N, C-alpha and C. Protein backbone atom coordinates (compact mmCIF):
# COMPACT_ATOMS: atom_id res chain seq x y z
N UNK A 1 13.03 45.02 -0.89
CA UNK A 1 12.33 44.47 -2.18
C UNK A 1 12.50 43.29 -1.82
N UNK A 2 10.84 43.15 -1.92
CA UNK A 2 10.58 41.74 -2.11
C UNK A 2 10.00 40.98 -3.54
N UNK A 3 11.12 40.75 -3.88
CA UNK A 3 11.13 39.59 -4.53
C UNK A 3 9.88 38.41 -4.46
N UNK A 4 9.26 38.50 -5.64
CA UNK A 4 8.94 36.82 -5.38
C UNK A 4 8.86 35.17 -5.55
N UNK A 5 8.60 34.40 -5.01
CA UNK A 5 9.49 33.47 -5.39
C UNK A 5 8.81 32.72 -6.35
N UNK A 6 10.67 32.01 -6.68
CA UNK A 6 10.33 31.57 -8.13
C UNK A 6 11.59 30.38 -7.85
N UNK A 7 11.75 30.02 -9.47
CA UNK A 7 12.91 28.90 -9.00
C UNK A 7 14.49 29.26 -8.78
N UNK A 8 15.03 28.15 -8.07
CA UNK A 8 16.15 28.13 -7.26
C UNK A 8 16.04 29.08 -6.47
N UNK A 9 14.44 29.93 -5.68
CA UNK A 9 15.23 30.89 -4.38
C UNK A 9 14.74 30.01 -3.71
N UNK A 10 15.67 30.87 -3.04
CA UNK A 10 15.95 30.36 -1.32
C UNK A 10 14.93 31.25 -0.56
N UNK A 11 13.98 30.56 -0.01
CA UNK A 11 12.73 31.10 0.55
C UNK A 11 12.76 29.93 1.74
N UNK A 12 12.47 31.56 3.17
CA UNK A 12 12.29 30.62 4.36
C UNK A 12 10.75 31.41 4.89
N UNK A 13 10.23 30.39 5.63
CA UNK A 13 8.90 30.56 5.82
C UNK A 13 8.86 29.20 7.25
N UNK A 14 7.44 29.68 7.66
CA UNK A 14 6.24 28.61 8.80
C UNK A 14 5.56 28.19 7.84
N UNK A 15 5.84 26.44 8.51
CA UNK A 15 4.75 25.95 7.76
C UNK A 15 3.64 25.38 8.77
N UNK A 16 3.00 24.78 8.22
CA UNK A 16 1.76 23.90 8.95
C UNK A 16 1.35 22.91 7.29
N UNK A 17 1.48 21.67 8.22
CA UNK A 17 0.99 20.28 7.57
C UNK A 17 -0.61 19.90 8.47
N UNK A 18 -1.68 20.03 7.91
CA UNK A 18 -3.15 18.98 9.28
C UNK A 18 -3.96 18.72 8.01
N UNK A 19 -3.65 17.46 8.76
CA UNK A 19 -4.35 16.95 8.71
C UNK A 19 -6.33 16.67 8.81
N UNK A 20 -7.19 15.38 8.05
CA UNK A 20 -8.60 16.10 7.86
C UNK A 20 -9.25 16.35 9.29
N UNK A 21 -8.75 15.86 9.97
CA UNK A 21 -9.47 16.07 11.20
C UNK A 21 -9.15 17.28 12.22
N UNK A 22 -8.11 18.40 11.58
CA UNK A 22 -7.70 19.03 12.13
C UNK A 22 -5.83 18.57 13.40
N UNK A 23 -5.91 17.83 13.19
CA UNK A 23 -4.39 17.13 13.45
C UNK A 23 -3.27 17.77 13.14
N UNK A 24 -2.84 18.85 14.38
CA UNK A 24 -1.09 18.88 12.80
C UNK A 24 -0.39 18.07 12.99
N UNK A 25 0.07 17.61 11.63
CA UNK A 25 1.08 16.31 11.53
C UNK A 25 2.72 17.11 11.81
N UNK A 26 2.49 18.67 11.26
CA UNK A 26 4.15 19.14 11.23
C UNK A 26 3.85 20.42 11.33
N UNK A 27 4.32 21.67 12.23
CA UNK A 27 4.11 23.08 12.18
C UNK A 27 5.67 23.55 12.27
N UNK A 28 6.20 24.99 11.54
CA UNK A 28 7.11 25.80 12.16
C UNK A 28 6.69 26.66 13.66
N UNK A 29 5.92 27.13 13.36
CA UNK A 29 4.50 28.08 13.46
C UNK A 29 5.49 28.60 15.19
N UNK A 30 5.41 27.45 16.21
CA UNK A 30 6.09 27.85 17.18
C UNK A 30 7.29 27.72 17.13
N UNK A 31 8.15 27.86 16.53
CA UNK A 31 9.75 27.94 16.45
C UNK A 31 10.30 28.36 15.45
N UNK A 32 11.83 27.92 14.86
CA UNK A 32 11.84 28.19 14.22
C UNK A 32 11.66 28.11 12.93
N UNK A 33 12.31 28.62 11.89
CA UNK A 33 11.25 28.62 10.60
C UNK A 33 11.93 27.89 9.70
N UNK A 34 12.11 27.55 8.50
CA UNK A 34 12.53 26.68 7.73
C UNK A 34 12.57 26.66 6.30
N UNK A 35 14.26 26.86 6.68
CA UNK A 35 14.79 28.10 5.12
C UNK A 35 14.73 26.94 4.15
N UNK A 36 15.16 26.62 3.19
CA UNK A 36 15.21 25.71 2.13
C UNK A 36 15.76 26.42 0.44
N UNK A 37 15.65 25.78 -0.60
CA UNK A 37 15.87 26.53 -2.25
C UNK A 37 15.13 26.00 -2.52
N UNK A 38 14.28 26.37 -3.27
CA UNK A 38 12.74 25.54 -4.32
C UNK A 38 13.49 24.81 -5.34
N UNK A 39 13.39 24.07 -5.09
CA UNK A 39 13.82 22.75 -6.33
C UNK A 39 14.41 22.44 -5.93
N UNK A 40 14.68 22.09 -4.43
CA UNK A 40 16.11 20.83 -4.02
C UNK A 40 15.52 20.15 -3.41
N UNK A 41 14.37 20.23 -3.08
CA UNK A 41 14.17 18.43 -3.59
C UNK A 41 12.69 18.21 -1.08
N UNK A 42 13.45 19.47 -0.69
CA UNK A 42 13.14 19.54 0.48
C UNK A 42 11.31 19.50 1.08
N UNK A 43 10.85 19.45 -0.30
CA UNK A 43 8.95 19.27 0.21
C UNK A 43 8.90 18.72 -1.17
N UNK A 44 7.53 18.31 -0.80
CA UNK A 44 6.78 18.00 -1.59
C UNK A 44 6.42 18.46 -3.13
N UNK A 45 6.63 18.63 -4.19
CA UNK A 45 6.40 19.25 -4.93
C UNK A 45 4.75 19.22 -5.72
N UNK A 46 3.92 19.21 -4.43
CA UNK A 46 2.46 19.61 -4.80
C UNK A 46 3.29 20.93 -3.25
N UNK A 47 3.53 21.06 -3.49
CA UNK A 47 3.69 21.77 -1.67
C UNK A 47 4.25 23.25 -2.56
N UNK A 48 6.09 22.36 -3.09
CA UNK A 48 6.41 24.21 -3.91
C UNK A 48 5.24 24.55 -5.14
N UNK A 49 5.19 23.91 -5.27
CA UNK A 49 3.91 24.82 -6.32
C UNK A 49 2.92 25.69 -6.04
N UNK A 50 2.40 26.16 -5.04
CA UNK A 50 1.95 26.54 -3.66
C UNK A 50 1.95 27.75 -3.80
N UNK A 51 3.71 27.62 -3.41
CA UNK A 51 4.59 29.00 -3.52
C UNK A 51 5.49 29.55 -3.91
N UNK A 52 5.10 29.33 -5.21
CA UNK A 52 5.76 30.16 -7.19
C UNK A 52 5.22 31.59 -6.97
N UNK A 53 5.26 32.71 -7.08
CA UNK A 53 4.94 33.78 -6.41
C UNK A 53 4.41 35.07 -5.57
N UNK A 54 4.45 34.20 -4.40
CA UNK A 54 4.56 34.25 -3.78
C UNK A 54 5.31 35.74 -2.68
N UNK A 55 5.60 36.23 -1.92
CA UNK A 55 6.96 36.83 -1.47
C UNK A 55 6.43 37.32 0.37
N UNK A 56 7.49 37.53 0.24
CA UNK A 56 7.47 38.28 2.03
C UNK A 56 6.89 38.80 2.65
N UNK A 57 5.81 37.94 3.67
CA UNK A 57 4.75 39.21 3.83
C UNK A 57 3.14 38.18 4.32
N UNK A 58 3.28 37.38 2.66
CA UNK A 58 2.21 36.21 2.06
C UNK A 58 2.23 35.52 2.87
N UNK A 59 0.46 35.14 3.23
CA UNK A 59 0.49 33.68 3.56
C UNK A 59 -0.38 32.80 2.76
N UNK A 60 -0.45 31.48 2.53
CA UNK A 60 -1.55 31.09 1.26
C UNK A 60 -1.51 29.13 2.38
N UNK A 61 -3.13 28.92 2.76
CA UNK A 61 -3.96 28.38 3.10
C UNK A 61 -4.31 26.87 1.66
N UNK A 62 -4.07 26.13 1.24
CA UNK A 62 -4.79 25.42 0.46
C UNK A 62 -4.92 24.04 1.19
N UNK A 63 -5.77 23.06 0.69
CA UNK A 63 -6.49 21.55 0.88
C UNK A 63 -5.75 20.90 -1.17
N UNK A 64 -4.23 19.84 -0.08
CA UNK A 64 -3.72 19.06 -0.99
C UNK A 64 -4.33 18.11 -0.90
N UNK A 65 -4.85 17.66 -2.14
CA UNK A 65 -5.60 15.73 -2.10
C UNK A 65 -4.58 14.59 -2.10
N UNK A 66 -4.38 13.63 -1.46
CA UNK A 66 -3.52 12.35 -1.47
C UNK A 66 -2.30 12.62 -2.82
N UNK A 67 -3.10 13.05 -4.00
CA UNK A 67 -1.86 12.24 -4.75
C UNK A 67 -1.39 13.53 -5.27
N UNK A 68 -1.68 14.38 -4.75
CA UNK A 68 -0.47 15.93 -4.65
C UNK A 68 0.19 16.29 -3.54
N UNK A 69 -0.51 15.19 -2.62
CA UNK A 69 0.88 15.38 -1.26
C UNK A 69 1.67 14.13 -1.18
N UNK A 70 1.52 13.35 -0.75
CA UNK A 70 2.39 12.50 0.05
C UNK A 70 1.41 11.23 -0.44
N UNK A 71 0.75 11.33 -1.31
CA UNK A 71 0.31 9.72 -2.32
C UNK A 71 -1.32 8.71 -1.36
N UNK A 72 -1.17 8.21 -2.15
CA UNK A 72 -2.69 7.08 -2.22
C UNK A 72 -1.91 6.23 -1.06
N UNK A 73 -2.70 5.16 -0.51
CA UNK A 73 -2.12 3.82 0.14
C UNK A 73 -1.60 3.53 -0.72
N UNK A 74 -0.93 2.79 -0.45
CA UNK A 74 -0.37 0.97 -1.75
C UNK A 74 -0.96 -0.35 -0.70
N UNK A 75 -1.89 -0.85 -1.10
CA UNK A 75 -1.51 -1.98 -0.28
C UNK A 75 -0.72 -3.26 -0.07
N UNK A 76 0.14 -2.44 -1.57
CA UNK A 76 1.33 -3.62 -0.90
C UNK A 76 2.67 -3.49 -0.47
N UNK A 77 2.21 -1.75 0.05
CA UNK A 77 3.48 -1.54 1.27
C UNK A 77 3.87 -2.66 1.91
N UNK A 78 2.37 -2.98 2.18
CA UNK A 78 2.36 -4.15 3.32
C UNK A 78 2.40 -5.07 3.80
N UNK A 79 2.98 -5.61 5.04
CA UNK A 79 4.49 -6.43 4.96
C UNK A 79 4.01 -7.39 6.35
N UNK A 80 3.76 -8.51 6.15
CA UNK A 80 3.67 -8.94 7.05
C UNK A 80 4.94 -9.51 8.02
N UNK A 81 5.61 -9.80 9.44
CA UNK A 81 7.02 -9.95 8.98
C UNK A 81 7.11 -11.04 10.37
N UNK A 82 8.06 -11.49 10.04
CA UNK A 82 7.72 -13.32 11.61
C UNK A 82 8.46 -12.18 13.26
N UNK A 83 8.21 -12.66 13.42
CA UNK A 83 7.88 -12.11 14.72
C UNK A 83 9.23 -11.81 16.17
N UNK A 84 10.29 -12.58 14.80
CA UNK A 84 11.70 -13.42 16.04
C UNK A 84 12.16 -12.63 14.77
N UNK A 85 12.05 -11.84 13.88
CA UNK A 85 12.54 -10.05 13.01
C UNK A 85 13.29 -9.21 14.38
N UNK A 86 12.30 -9.03 15.01
CA UNK A 86 12.38 -8.08 15.96
C UNK A 86 13.03 -8.38 17.14
N UNK A 87 13.88 -7.17 17.75
CA UNK A 87 14.27 -7.66 18.47
C UNK A 87 13.95 -8.32 20.26
N UNK A 88 13.69 -8.45 21.70
CA UNK A 88 13.37 -9.12 22.39
C UNK A 88 13.15 -7.77 22.81
N UNK A 89 14.05 -6.55 22.64
CA UNK A 89 13.62 -5.18 23.89
C UNK A 89 12.73 -4.30 23.19
N UNK A 90 11.70 -4.71 21.69
CA UNK A 90 11.85 -3.55 21.14
C UNK A 90 10.30 -4.30 21.91
N UNK A 91 9.80 -2.02 22.25
CA UNK A 91 8.62 -3.04 23.23
C UNK A 91 7.01 -2.92 21.80
N UNK A 92 6.65 -4.04 20.96
CA UNK A 92 5.84 -3.64 19.74
C UNK A 92 4.39 -3.34 19.99
N UNK A 93 4.25 -2.00 19.53
CA UNK A 93 2.44 -1.79 19.44
C UNK A 93 2.22 -1.23 18.27
N UNK A 94 1.33 -1.42 17.97
CA UNK A 94 0.03 -0.34 17.10
C UNK A 94 0.49 0.94 16.55
N UNK A 95 0.76 1.62 15.75
CA UNK A 95 0.98 3.26 15.28
C UNK A 95 3.23 3.31 15.56
N UNK A 96 3.53 1.95 16.35
CA UNK A 96 4.94 2.70 16.58
C UNK A 96 6.21 2.72 15.21
N UNK A 97 6.43 3.34 15.08
CA UNK A 97 7.88 3.93 14.01
C UNK A 97 9.08 3.63 14.11
N UNK A 98 8.97 2.09 13.28
CA UNK A 98 10.63 1.20 13.25
C UNK A 98 11.38 1.90 12.13
N UNK A 99 12.68 2.08 12.38
CA UNK A 99 13.59 2.21 11.02
C UNK A 99 13.74 1.21 10.49
N UNK A 100 14.19 0.91 9.33
CA UNK A 100 14.59 -0.73 8.32
C UNK A 100 15.38 -0.22 7.22
N UNK A 101 16.22 -0.77 7.36
CA UNK A 101 17.00 -1.06 5.69
C UNK A 101 16.84 -1.48 4.84
N UNK A 102 16.64 -1.69 3.79
CA UNK A 102 15.88 -1.32 2.31
C UNK A 102 17.54 -2.20 2.06
N UNK A 103 17.23 -2.85 0.98
CA UNK A 103 18.11 -4.08 0.31
C UNK A 103 19.46 -3.01 -0.29
N UNK A 104 19.63 -1.50 -0.75
CA UNK A 104 20.13 -0.62 -1.06
C UNK A 104 21.25 -0.07 0.09
N UNK A 105 20.55 -0.03 0.79
CA UNK A 105 21.25 0.21 2.61
C UNK A 105 20.96 1.85 3.46
N UNK A 106 19.13 1.90 2.92
CA UNK A 106 18.41 3.20 2.64
C UNK A 106 17.51 2.60 3.70
N UNK A 107 17.82 4.03 5.27
CA UNK A 107 16.54 3.64 5.59
C UNK A 107 14.95 4.08 5.40
N UNK A 108 14.20 2.67 5.70
CA UNK A 108 13.16 3.43 5.10
C UNK A 108 12.24 2.85 6.44
N UNK A 109 11.08 3.94 7.41
CA UNK A 109 10.57 3.99 8.24
C UNK A 109 8.95 2.84 8.38
N UNK A 110 8.54 1.68 8.68
CA UNK A 110 7.61 1.44 8.61
C UNK A 110 6.90 1.87 9.86
N UNK A 111 5.61 1.74 9.78
CA UNK A 111 4.83 2.31 11.35
C UNK A 111 4.16 0.79 11.32
N UNK A 112 4.08 0.44 13.31
CA UNK A 112 3.68 -1.76 13.16
C UNK A 112 1.89 -1.31 13.20
N UNK A 113 1.50 -1.74 12.18
CA UNK A 113 -0.18 -1.85 13.15
C UNK A 113 -0.96 -3.07 13.72
N UNK A 114 -0.54 -3.81 13.79
CA UNK A 114 -0.76 -5.15 14.90
C UNK A 114 0.83 -5.78 14.32
N UNK A 115 0.71 -7.12 16.05
CA UNK A 115 1.22 -8.35 16.25
C UNK A 115 0.80 -9.38 16.96
N UNK A 116 0.89 -10.86 16.65
CA UNK A 116 0.56 -11.59 17.47
C UNK A 116 1.38 -12.00 17.48
N UNK A 117 1.33 -13.81 18.42
CA UNK A 117 2.37 -13.97 18.92
C UNK A 117 3.41 -14.53 18.08
N UNK A 118 3.24 -14.38 16.89
CA UNK A 118 4.52 -14.93 15.45
C UNK A 118 4.73 -13.70 14.63
N UNK A 119 3.55 -13.24 14.21
CA UNK A 119 3.48 -12.49 13.08
C UNK A 119 3.49 -10.56 13.53
N UNK A 120 4.41 -10.08 12.65
CA UNK A 120 4.57 -8.17 13.13
C UNK A 120 3.72 -7.48 11.66
N UNK A 121 2.33 -6.64 11.92
CA UNK A 121 2.17 -6.36 9.85
C UNK A 121 2.57 -5.45 10.55
N UNK A 122 4.33 -4.76 9.08
CA UNK A 122 3.77 -3.29 8.87
C UNK A 122 4.39 -2.02 7.44
N UNK A 123 3.63 -1.73 7.93
CA UNK A 123 3.06 0.13 6.76
C UNK A 123 4.39 0.80 6.15
N UNK A 124 5.05 0.46 5.16
CA UNK A 124 5.71 1.19 4.55
C UNK A 124 5.32 1.96 3.58
N UNK A 125 4.16 2.39 3.46
CA UNK A 125 3.68 3.66 3.07
C UNK A 125 3.61 4.95 4.45
N UNK A 126 4.45 6.04 3.60
CA UNK A 126 4.25 7.54 4.08
C UNK A 126 3.39 7.54 5.57
N UNK A 127 3.71 7.99 7.00
CA UNK A 127 2.67 7.26 7.70
C UNK A 127 1.47 8.88 6.81
N UNK A 128 1.76 9.92 6.25
CA UNK A 128 0.67 10.83 5.70
C UNK A 128 0.18 10.49 4.23
N UNK A 129 0.38 8.65 4.27
CA UNK A 129 -0.55 8.90 2.36
C UNK A 129 -1.41 8.80 2.79
N UNK A 130 -2.23 9.25 1.90
CA UNK A 130 -3.89 8.87 1.74
C UNK A 130 -4.43 10.26 2.30
N UNK A 131 -3.62 10.75 2.85
CA UNK A 131 -4.91 12.01 3.38
C UNK A 131 -4.38 12.92 3.24
N UNK A 132 -5.71 13.75 2.88
CA UNK A 132 -5.83 14.89 2.49
C UNK A 132 -4.76 16.14 3.22
N UNK A 133 -4.05 16.77 2.76
CA UNK A 133 -3.18 17.50 3.77
C UNK A 133 -3.78 19.10 3.62
N UNK A 134 -4.43 19.86 4.62
CA UNK A 134 -4.29 21.62 4.59
C UNK A 134 -3.12 22.33 4.77
N UNK A 135 -1.84 22.60 4.06
CA UNK A 135 -0.43 23.14 3.84
C UNK A 135 -0.95 24.67 3.95
N UNK A 136 -0.21 25.42 5.05
CA UNK A 136 -0.52 26.42 5.60
C UNK A 136 0.80 27.19 5.17
N UNK A 137 0.95 28.07 4.49
CA UNK A 137 2.37 28.80 4.69
C UNK A 137 2.34 30.16 5.02
N UNK A 138 3.41 30.87 5.62
CA UNK A 138 3.57 32.41 6.28
C UNK A 138 5.24 32.43 5.06
N UNK A 139 5.26 33.38 4.18
CA UNK A 139 6.18 33.60 3.67
C UNK A 139 7.29 34.56 4.55
N UNK A 140 8.81 34.15 5.21
CA UNK A 140 9.42 35.60 5.43
C UNK A 140 10.43 36.16 5.34
N UNK A 141 10.78 35.60 4.03
CA UNK A 141 12.54 35.97 3.67
C UNK A 141 11.70 34.96 1.92
N UNK A 142 12.97 36.46 0.70
CA UNK A 142 13.28 35.26 -0.84
C UNK A 142 14.13 36.11 -1.01
N UNK A 143 14.99 34.92 -1.61
CA UNK A 143 16.08 35.63 -2.04
C UNK A 143 16.25 34.86 -3.50
N UNK A 144 16.25 35.34 -4.88
CA UNK A 144 15.97 35.42 -5.48
C UNK A 144 17.41 34.48 -5.96
N UNK A 145 16.84 33.60 -7.92
CA UNK A 145 18.61 32.39 -7.38
C UNK A 145 19.35 33.53 -7.42
N UNK A 146 19.54 34.05 -8.31
CA UNK A 146 19.99 34.97 -9.06
C UNK A 146 21.29 36.07 -8.70
N UNK A 147 21.12 36.15 -7.25
CA UNK A 147 21.18 36.72 -6.58
C UNK A 147 22.37 37.43 -5.94
N UNK A 148 22.91 35.67 -6.00
CA UNK A 148 24.00 35.30 -5.03
C UNK A 148 23.72 35.17 -3.93
N UNK A 149 22.90 35.25 -3.71
CA UNK A 149 22.61 34.94 -2.20
C UNK A 149 23.19 35.87 -1.21
N UNK A 150 21.95 37.65 -1.77
CA UNK A 150 22.77 37.96 -0.95
C UNK A 150 21.17 39.51 -0.92
N UNK A 151 21.16 40.27 -0.03
CA UNK A 151 19.93 40.37 -0.41
C UNK A 151 19.96 41.86 -1.03
């Protein structure tokens, strides 16, 4: 039986996220599919909403605005840091993503935007923030929440 995706369904799918210029930011179509439970936080809410009601074999393609996907760019998340805060063996260049630890101990990625001899400008926005995203999926399998995870 081909069950529709609903709250708590375990879903196996292929997905891709493409930027406005067609560059693929992420894709599973050339590899192993992704399996997750709807509502577990694996996918953004805007992406999950696009899946409700789809069944195995269905495909979906839609464009999500930044507010529906990874958010708008927040200028307050741009920080200028002293160059001395970075290890000497790090080859800093624009586009380099570095893992930082915030005050609560969580890892936070930051993207180097520019640097001088004394400072480094780091962007702590999600790398896809501010972009419209084309979300494409192919549903492979759906296990309803109330099935006890048995087909």
